[in-house]
Amino acid sequence: MKAMVLVSLSYSAPLRAETSRHETVTPAFQGLIPNIQGKSIVTAVVEYPPGAKSPSHHHASSAFVYAYVLSGAVRSQVNEGPAQVYRTGESFTEAPGAHHSISENASDTEPARLLAVFILDTGDHPLTTPDR
């Protein structure tokens, strides 16, 4: 069995639950992808209180991101695409190098949660970098 690889999940902090005034990011799984040398998978649950937003950001340069809305509704805009609202059971992706300009709870009264799945080069971090 191969050893797990720690990947920085939220900004420049090590992989652990992170809370900010915007959202809560809780690691769910991380590990090497055994049939793709040099690649890892990292998953996290992102919880948005009512009206909460993430700062605009980008992810590690090799990261392909799949996001699945677990509950509520999340508004997202990636690169120059339109801002869209994704509801429970819907998903979206971000290509490597994408800019995530909007990531927020679409509701001011109900919480929202999503599962973020990152496929990336092992050791590529930080996983998320807010815009300056």
N, C-alpha and C. Protein backbone atom coordinates (compact mmCIF):
# COMPACT_ATOMS: atom_id res chain seq x y z
N MET A 1 0.84 -1.18 0.00
CA MET A 1 0.00 0.00 0.00
C MET A 1 0.89 1.24 0.00
N LYS A 2 0.55 2.21 -0.83
CA LYS A 2 1.33 3.44 -0.90
C LYS A 2 0.92 4.38 0.22
N ALA A 3 1.85 5.21 0.63
CA ALA A 3 1.59 6.17 1.70
C ALA A 3 0.70 7.30 1.19
N MET A 4 -0.09 7.85 2.07
CA MET A 4 -0.89 9.02 1.75
C MET A 4 0.01 10.22 1.56
N VAL A 5 -0.41 11.15 0.74
CA VAL A 5 0.35 12.36 0.49
C VAL A 5 -0.44 13.53 1.04
N LEU A 6 0.18 14.33 1.88
CA LEU A 6 -0.50 15.52 2.39
C LEU A 6 -0.43 16.62 1.34
N VAL A 7 -1.57 17.23 1.10
CA VAL A 7 -1.67 18.32 0.14
C VAL A 7 -2.32 19.47 0.87
N SER A 8 -1.78 20.65 0.72
CA SER A 8 -2.35 21.82 1.38
C SER A 8 -3.73 22.10 0.81
N LEU A 9 -4.74 22.19 1.66
CA LEU A 9 -6.11 22.28 1.20
C LEU A 9 -6.64 23.70 1.12
N SER A 10 -6.50 24.46 2.16
CA SER A 10 -7.12 25.77 2.19
C SER A 10 -6.05 26.83 2.34
N TYR A 11 -5.90 27.62 1.31
CA TYR A 11 -4.88 28.64 1.28
C TYR A 11 -3.51 28.00 1.54
N SER A 12 -2.75 28.41 2.51
CA SER A 12 -1.45 27.78 2.70
C SER A 12 -1.40 26.94 3.97
N ALA A 13 -2.57 26.60 4.53
CA ALA A 13 -2.60 25.80 5.76
C ALA A 13 -2.49 24.32 5.42
N PRO A 14 -2.00 23.50 6.36
CA PRO A 14 -1.95 22.07 6.12
C PRO A 14 -3.37 21.49 6.07
N LEU A 15 -3.49 20.25 5.62
CA LEU A 15 -4.78 19.62 5.46
C LEU A 15 -5.42 19.37 6.83
N ARG A 16 -6.42 20.15 7.14
CA ARG A 16 -7.18 20.04 8.38
C ARG A 16 -8.41 20.91 8.20
N ALA A 17 -9.35 20.82 9.11
CA ALA A 17 -10.55 21.65 9.00
C ALA A 17 -10.15 23.12 9.11
N GLU A 18 -10.67 23.92 8.21
CA GLU A 18 -10.36 25.35 8.19
C GLU A 18 -11.67 26.12 8.28
N THR A 19 -11.70 27.14 9.10
CA THR A 19 -12.88 27.98 9.19
C THR A 19 -12.46 29.42 8.95
N SER A 20 -13.22 30.10 8.12
CA SER A 20 -12.99 31.52 7.91
C SER A 20 -14.32 32.22 8.12
N ARG A 21 -14.32 33.50 8.00
CA ARG A 21 -15.58 34.23 8.15
C ARG A 21 -16.47 34.03 6.93
N HIS A 22 -15.96 33.33 5.92
CA HIS A 22 -16.71 33.13 4.69
C HIS A 22 -17.32 31.74 4.59
N GLU A 23 -16.53 30.72 4.75
CA GLU A 23 -16.97 29.35 4.56
C GLU A 23 -16.15 28.44 5.48
N THR A 24 -16.59 27.20 5.62
CA THR A 24 -15.83 26.21 6.36
C THR A 24 -15.43 25.11 5.38
N VAL A 25 -14.16 24.76 5.36
CA VAL A 25 -13.64 23.71 4.49
C VAL A 25 -13.16 22.57 5.38
N THR A 26 -13.77 21.38 5.21
CA THR A 26 -13.42 20.23 6.01
C THR A 26 -12.90 19.12 5.11
N PRO A 27 -11.65 18.70 5.30
CA PRO A 27 -11.10 17.61 4.47
C PRO A 27 -11.93 16.34 4.63
N ALA A 28 -12.11 15.61 3.53
CA ALA A 28 -12.85 14.36 3.57
C ALA A 28 -11.95 13.17 3.23
N PHE A 29 -11.07 13.31 2.25
CA PHE A 29 -10.20 12.21 1.82
C PHE A 29 -9.02 12.79 1.06
N GLN A 30 -7.89 12.10 1.16
CA GLN A 30 -6.73 12.44 0.32
C GLN A 30 -5.92 11.18 0.10
N GLY A 31 -5.31 11.06 -1.06
CA GLY A 31 -4.48 9.90 -1.32
C GLY A 31 -3.92 9.91 -2.73
N LEU A 32 -3.00 9.01 -2.95
CA LEU A 32 -2.42 8.83 -4.28
C LEU A 32 -3.42 8.09 -5.16
N ILE A 33 -3.40 8.37 -6.46
CA ILE A 33 -4.20 7.61 -7.42
C ILE A 33 -3.29 6.48 -7.90
N PRO A 34 -3.58 5.25 -7.54
CA PRO A 34 -2.62 4.17 -7.77
C PRO A 34 -2.32 3.86 -9.23
N ASN A 35 -3.25 4.11 -10.13
CA ASN A 35 -3.01 3.78 -11.53
C ASN A 35 -2.61 5.00 -12.38
N ILE A 36 -2.35 6.13 -11.74
CA ILE A 36 -1.88 7.32 -12.46
C ILE A 36 -0.69 7.88 -11.68
N GLN A 37 0.50 7.48 -12.07
CA GLN A 37 1.70 7.89 -11.35
C GLN A 37 1.81 9.41 -11.28
N GLY A 38 2.11 9.90 -10.09
CA GLY A 38 2.31 11.34 -9.89
C GLY A 38 1.04 12.13 -9.66
N LYS A 39 -0.11 11.46 -9.59
CA LYS A 39 -1.39 12.17 -9.37
C LYS A 39 -1.99 11.79 -8.02
N SER A 40 -2.68 12.75 -7.42
CA SER A 40 -3.35 12.55 -6.15
C SER A 40 -4.79 13.03 -6.26
N ILE A 41 -5.60 12.57 -5.32
CA ILE A 41 -6.98 13.04 -5.19
C ILE A 41 -7.14 13.61 -3.79
N VAL A 42 -7.81 14.75 -3.71
CA VAL A 42 -8.11 15.39 -2.43
C VAL A 42 -9.58 15.80 -2.49
N THR A 43 -10.32 15.48 -1.44
CA THR A 43 -11.72 15.90 -1.39
C THR A 43 -11.98 16.68 -0.11
N ALA A 44 -12.94 17.57 -0.18
CA ALA A 44 -13.31 18.39 0.97
C ALA A 44 -14.76 18.78 0.87
N VAL A 45 -15.38 18.97 2.02
CA VAL A 45 -16.74 19.49 2.08
C VAL A 45 -16.64 20.98 2.40
N VAL A 46 -17.28 21.80 1.56
CA VAL A 46 -17.29 23.25 1.76
C VAL A 46 -18.69 23.64 2.21
N GLU A 47 -18.76 24.27 3.38
CA GLU A 47 -20.05 24.67 3.94
C GLU A 47 -20.15 26.20 3.93
N TYR A 48 -21.26 26.67 3.37
CA TYR A 48 -21.52 28.11 3.30
C TYR A 48 -22.72 28.44 4.18
N PRO A 49 -22.53 29.24 5.22
CA PRO A 49 -23.69 29.73 5.96
C PRO A 49 -24.54 30.62 5.03
N PRO A 50 -25.77 30.93 5.41
CA PRO A 50 -26.58 31.82 4.58
C PRO A 50 -25.83 33.11 4.22
N GLY A 51 -25.82 33.43 2.94
CA GLY A 51 -25.19 34.67 2.46
C GLY A 51 -23.67 34.66 2.41
N ALA A 52 -23.04 33.56 2.76
CA ALA A 52 -21.57 33.52 2.81
C ALA A 52 -20.94 33.41 1.42
N LYS A 53 -19.71 33.91 1.30
CA LYS A 53 -18.97 33.90 0.05
C LYS A 53 -17.54 33.45 0.30
N SER A 54 -16.94 32.85 -0.72
CA SER A 54 -15.50 32.61 -0.71
C SER A 54 -14.85 33.76 -1.46
N PRO A 55 -13.64 34.16 -1.08
CA PRO A 55 -12.96 35.16 -1.89
C PRO A 55 -12.65 34.58 -3.28
N SER A 56 -12.59 35.43 -4.28
CA SER A 56 -12.21 34.94 -5.61
C SER A 56 -10.83 34.30 -5.49
N HIS A 57 -10.60 33.25 -6.27
CA HIS A 57 -9.38 32.46 -6.08
C HIS A 57 -9.06 31.61 -7.30
N HIS A 58 -7.93 30.96 -7.24
CA HIS A 58 -7.57 29.91 -8.19
C HIS A 58 -6.97 28.76 -7.39
N HIS A 59 -6.92 27.61 -8.04
CA HIS A 59 -6.39 26.42 -7.37
C HIS A 59 -5.02 26.07 -7.92
N ALA A 60 -4.39 25.08 -7.31
CA ALA A 60 -3.08 24.62 -7.77
C ALA A 60 -3.11 24.47 -9.29
N SER A 61 -2.02 24.82 -9.95
CA SER A 61 -2.03 24.89 -11.42
C SER A 61 -2.36 23.58 -12.11
N SER A 62 -2.13 22.44 -11.46
CA SER A 62 -2.43 21.15 -12.09
C SER A 62 -3.82 20.63 -11.72
N ALA A 63 -4.55 21.34 -10.87
CA ALA A 63 -5.79 20.81 -10.30
C ALA A 63 -6.97 20.88 -11.26
N PHE A 64 -7.57 19.71 -11.51
CA PHE A 64 -8.89 19.61 -12.12
C PHE A 64 -9.85 19.49 -10.96
N VAL A 65 -10.90 20.32 -10.93
CA VAL A 65 -11.83 20.35 -9.80
C VAL A 65 -13.23 19.96 -10.26
N TYR A 66 -13.82 19.03 -9.53
CA TYR A 66 -15.22 18.64 -9.72
C TYR A 66 -15.95 19.03 -8.45
N ALA A 67 -17.03 19.79 -8.57
CA ALA A 67 -17.81 20.23 -7.40
C ALA A 67 -19.23 19.72 -7.52
N TYR A 68 -19.71 19.09 -6.44
CA TYR A 68 -21.05 18.51 -6.39
C TYR A 68 -21.80 19.14 -5.23
N VAL A 69 -22.96 19.73 -5.49
CA VAL A 69 -23.73 20.40 -4.44
C VAL A 69 -24.48 19.35 -3.62
N LEU A 70 -24.13 19.28 -2.35
CA LEU A 70 -24.74 18.32 -1.43
C LEU A 70 -26.08 18.81 -0.89
N SER A 71 -26.18 20.12 -0.65
CA SER A 71 -27.42 20.70 -0.15
C SER A 71 -27.43 22.19 -0.43
N GLY A 72 -28.62 22.74 -0.55
CA GLY A 72 -28.76 24.16 -0.80
C GLY A 72 -28.48 24.53 -2.23
N ALA A 73 -28.02 25.76 -2.42
CA ALA A 73 -27.73 26.28 -3.75
C ALA A 73 -26.45 27.11 -3.71
N VAL A 74 -25.57 26.88 -4.68
CA VAL A 74 -24.28 27.57 -4.75
C VAL A 74 -24.19 28.32 -6.07
N ARG A 75 -23.83 29.59 -5.99
CA ARG A 75 -23.59 30.40 -7.19
C ARG A 75 -22.10 30.35 -7.49
N SER A 76 -21.77 30.08 -8.76
CA SER A 76 -20.37 29.94 -9.15
C SER A 76 -20.14 30.60 -10.51
N GLN A 77 -18.97 31.19 -10.64
CA GLN A 77 -18.51 31.70 -11.93
C GLN A 77 -17.06 31.30 -12.10
N VAL A 78 -16.77 30.62 -13.19
CA VAL A 78 -15.42 30.16 -13.49
C VAL A 78 -14.96 30.84 -14.77
N ASN A 79 -13.77 31.42 -14.72
CA ASN A 79 -13.21 32.17 -15.85
C ASN A 79 -14.20 33.23 -16.31
N GLU A 80 -14.39 33.36 -17.61
CA GLU A 80 -15.28 34.40 -18.15
C GLU A 80 -16.68 33.86 -18.40
N GLY A 81 -16.96 32.63 -17.94
CA GLY A 81 -18.29 32.06 -18.13
C GLY A 81 -19.33 32.79 -17.32
N PRO A 82 -20.60 32.49 -17.58
CA PRO A 82 -21.67 33.16 -16.82
C PRO A 82 -21.72 32.65 -15.38
N ALA A 83 -22.17 33.50 -14.48
CA ALA A 83 -22.45 33.05 -13.12
C ALA A 83 -23.68 32.16 -13.18
N GLN A 84 -23.61 31.00 -12.52
CA GLN A 84 -24.72 30.06 -12.54
C GLN A 84 -25.00 29.59 -11.12
N VAL A 85 -26.26 29.23 -10.87
CA VAL A 85 -26.65 28.68 -9.59
C VAL A 85 -26.82 27.17 -9.76
N TYR A 86 -26.15 26.42 -8.90
CA TYR A 86 -26.22 24.96 -8.89
C TYR A 86 -26.92 24.53 -7.61
N ARG A 87 -27.91 23.67 -7.76
CA ARG A 87 -28.71 23.22 -6.63
C ARG A 87 -28.36 21.79 -6.24
N THR A 88 -28.90 21.34 -5.13
CA THR A 88 -28.65 19.99 -4.63
C THR A 88 -28.69 18.97 -5.77
N GLY A 89 -27.61 18.18 -5.87
CA GLY A 89 -27.52 17.14 -6.89
C GLY A 89 -26.89 17.59 -8.19
N GLU A 90 -26.64 18.87 -8.37
CA GLU A 90 -26.01 19.38 -9.59
C GLU A 90 -24.52 19.56 -9.36
N SER A 91 -23.76 19.67 -10.45
CA SER A 91 -22.30 19.77 -10.33
C SER A 91 -21.73 20.67 -11.42
N PHE A 92 -20.47 21.04 -11.21
CA PHE A 92 -19.72 21.81 -12.20
C PHE A 92 -18.24 21.44 -12.07
N THR A 93 -17.46 21.84 -13.07
CA THR A 93 -16.02 21.54 -13.06
C THR A 93 -15.22 22.82 -13.28
N GLU A 94 -13.95 22.73 -12.89
CA GLU A 94 -12.98 23.79 -13.15
C GLU A 94 -11.76 23.13 -13.77
N ALA A 95 -11.34 23.62 -14.93
CA ALA A 95 -10.14 23.09 -15.59
C ALA A 95 -8.90 23.59 -14.86
N PRO A 96 -7.77 22.88 -15.01
CA PRO A 96 -6.52 23.38 -14.41
C PRO A 96 -6.25 24.82 -14.85
N GLY A 97 -5.85 25.64 -13.89
CA GLY A 97 -5.53 27.04 -14.18
C GLY A 97 -6.73 27.97 -14.20
N ALA A 98 -7.93 27.46 -13.96
CA ALA A 98 -9.14 28.28 -14.00
C ALA A 98 -9.15 29.30 -12.87
N HIS A 99 -9.85 30.39 -13.11
CA HIS A 99 -10.05 31.43 -12.11
C HIS A 99 -11.49 31.32 -11.62
N HIS A 100 -11.67 31.17 -10.31
CA HIS A 100 -13.00 31.04 -9.72
C HIS A 100 -13.35 32.38 -9.10
N SER A 101 -14.05 33.22 -9.89
CA SER A 101 -14.31 34.58 -9.44
C SER A 101 -15.50 34.68 -8.49
N ILE A 102 -16.48 33.79 -8.62
CA ILE A 102 -17.62 33.79 -7.71
C ILE A 102 -17.83 32.38 -7.17
N SER A 103 -17.90 32.26 -5.87
CA SER A 103 -18.24 31.01 -5.19
C SER A 103 -18.94 31.42 -3.91
N GLU A 104 -20.28 31.23 -3.89
CA GLU A 104 -21.04 31.74 -2.76
C GLU A 104 -22.35 31.00 -2.59
N ASN A 105 -22.90 31.13 -1.41
CA ASN A 105 -24.23 30.60 -1.15
C ASN A 105 -25.21 31.48 -1.92
N ALA A 106 -26.11 30.85 -2.68
CA ALA A 106 -27.09 31.61 -3.46
C ALA A 106 -28.26 32.09 -2.61
N SER A 107 -28.31 31.64 -1.34
CA SER A 107 -29.40 32.00 -0.45
C SER A 107 -28.91 32.84 0.73
N ASP A 108 -29.72 33.79 1.12
CA ASP A 108 -29.44 34.59 2.32
C ASP A 108 -30.07 33.98 3.56
N THR A 109 -30.85 32.90 3.39
CA THR A 109 -31.57 32.33 4.53
C THR A 109 -31.26 30.85 4.79
N GLU A 110 -30.76 30.11 3.81
CA GLU A 110 -30.49 28.68 3.96
C GLU A 110 -29.00 28.39 3.76
N PRO A 111 -28.44 27.45 4.51
CA PRO A 111 -27.04 27.08 4.29
C PRO A 111 -26.89 26.26 3.00
N ALA A 112 -25.65 26.14 2.54
CA ALA A 112 -25.34 25.33 1.35
C ALA A 112 -24.06 24.55 1.62
N ARG A 113 -23.96 23.35 1.02
CA ARG A 113 -22.76 22.50 1.16
C ARG A 113 -22.42 21.91 -0.18
N LEU A 114 -21.12 21.82 -0.45
CA LEU A 114 -20.69 21.13 -1.66
C LEU A 114 -19.48 20.26 -1.37
N LEU A 115 -19.34 19.22 -2.19
CA LEU A 115 -18.18 18.35 -2.13
C LEU A 115 -17.25 18.78 -3.25
N ALA A 116 -16.02 19.14 -2.91
CA ALA A 116 -15.01 19.51 -3.91
C ALA A 116 -14.03 18.36 -4.05
N VAL A 117 -13.82 17.92 -5.29
CA VAL A 117 -12.91 16.82 -5.59
C VAL A 117 -11.80 17.39 -6.48
N PHE A 118 -10.56 17.26 -6.02
CA PHE A 118 -9.40 17.76 -6.74
C PHE A 118 -8.56 16.59 -7.25
N ILE A 119 -8.27 16.57 -8.53
CA ILE A 119 -7.30 15.64 -9.11
C ILE A 119 -6.12 16.51 -9.52
N LEU A 120 -4.93 16.24 -8.96
CA LEU A 120 -3.81 17.13 -9.21
C LEU A 120 -2.48 16.40 -9.09
N ASP A 121 -1.44 17.07 -9.56
CA ASP A 121 -0.09 16.53 -9.41
C ASP A 121 0.22 16.41 -7.92
N THR A 122 0.75 15.26 -7.52
CA THR A 122 1.11 15.03 -6.14
C THR A 122 2.10 16.11 -5.69
N GLY A 123 1.80 16.75 -4.58
CA GLY A 123 2.68 17.78 -4.04
C GLY A 123 2.43 19.17 -4.58
N ASP A 124 1.50 19.34 -5.54
CA ASP A 124 1.20 20.67 -6.07
C ASP A 124 0.35 21.41 -5.04
N HIS A 125 0.89 22.48 -4.48
CA HIS A 125 0.17 23.25 -3.48
C HIS A 125 0.71 24.67 -3.45
N PRO A 126 0.02 25.59 -2.83
CA PRO A 126 -1.19 25.39 -2.06
C PRO A 126 -2.37 25.02 -2.97
N LEU A 127 -3.35 24.37 -2.41
CA LEU A 127 -4.49 23.91 -3.17
C LEU A 127 -5.37 25.08 -3.61
N THR A 128 -5.52 26.08 -2.74
CA THR A 128 -6.34 27.25 -3.04
C THR A 128 -5.56 28.51 -2.68
N THR A 129 -5.58 29.47 -3.60
CA THR A 129 -4.90 30.75 -3.37
C THR A 129 -5.90 31.88 -3.66
N PRO A 130 -6.24 32.68 -2.64
CA PRO A 130 -7.15 33.80 -2.88
C PRO A 130 -6.47 34.87 -3.74
N ASP A 131 -7.29 35.59 -4.52
CA ASP A 131 -6.75 36.70 -5.30
C ASP A 131 -6.28 37.80 -4.37
N ARG A 132 -5.33 38.56 -4.84
CA ARG A 132 -4.82 39.68 -4.03
C ARG A 132 -5.70 40.88 -4.19
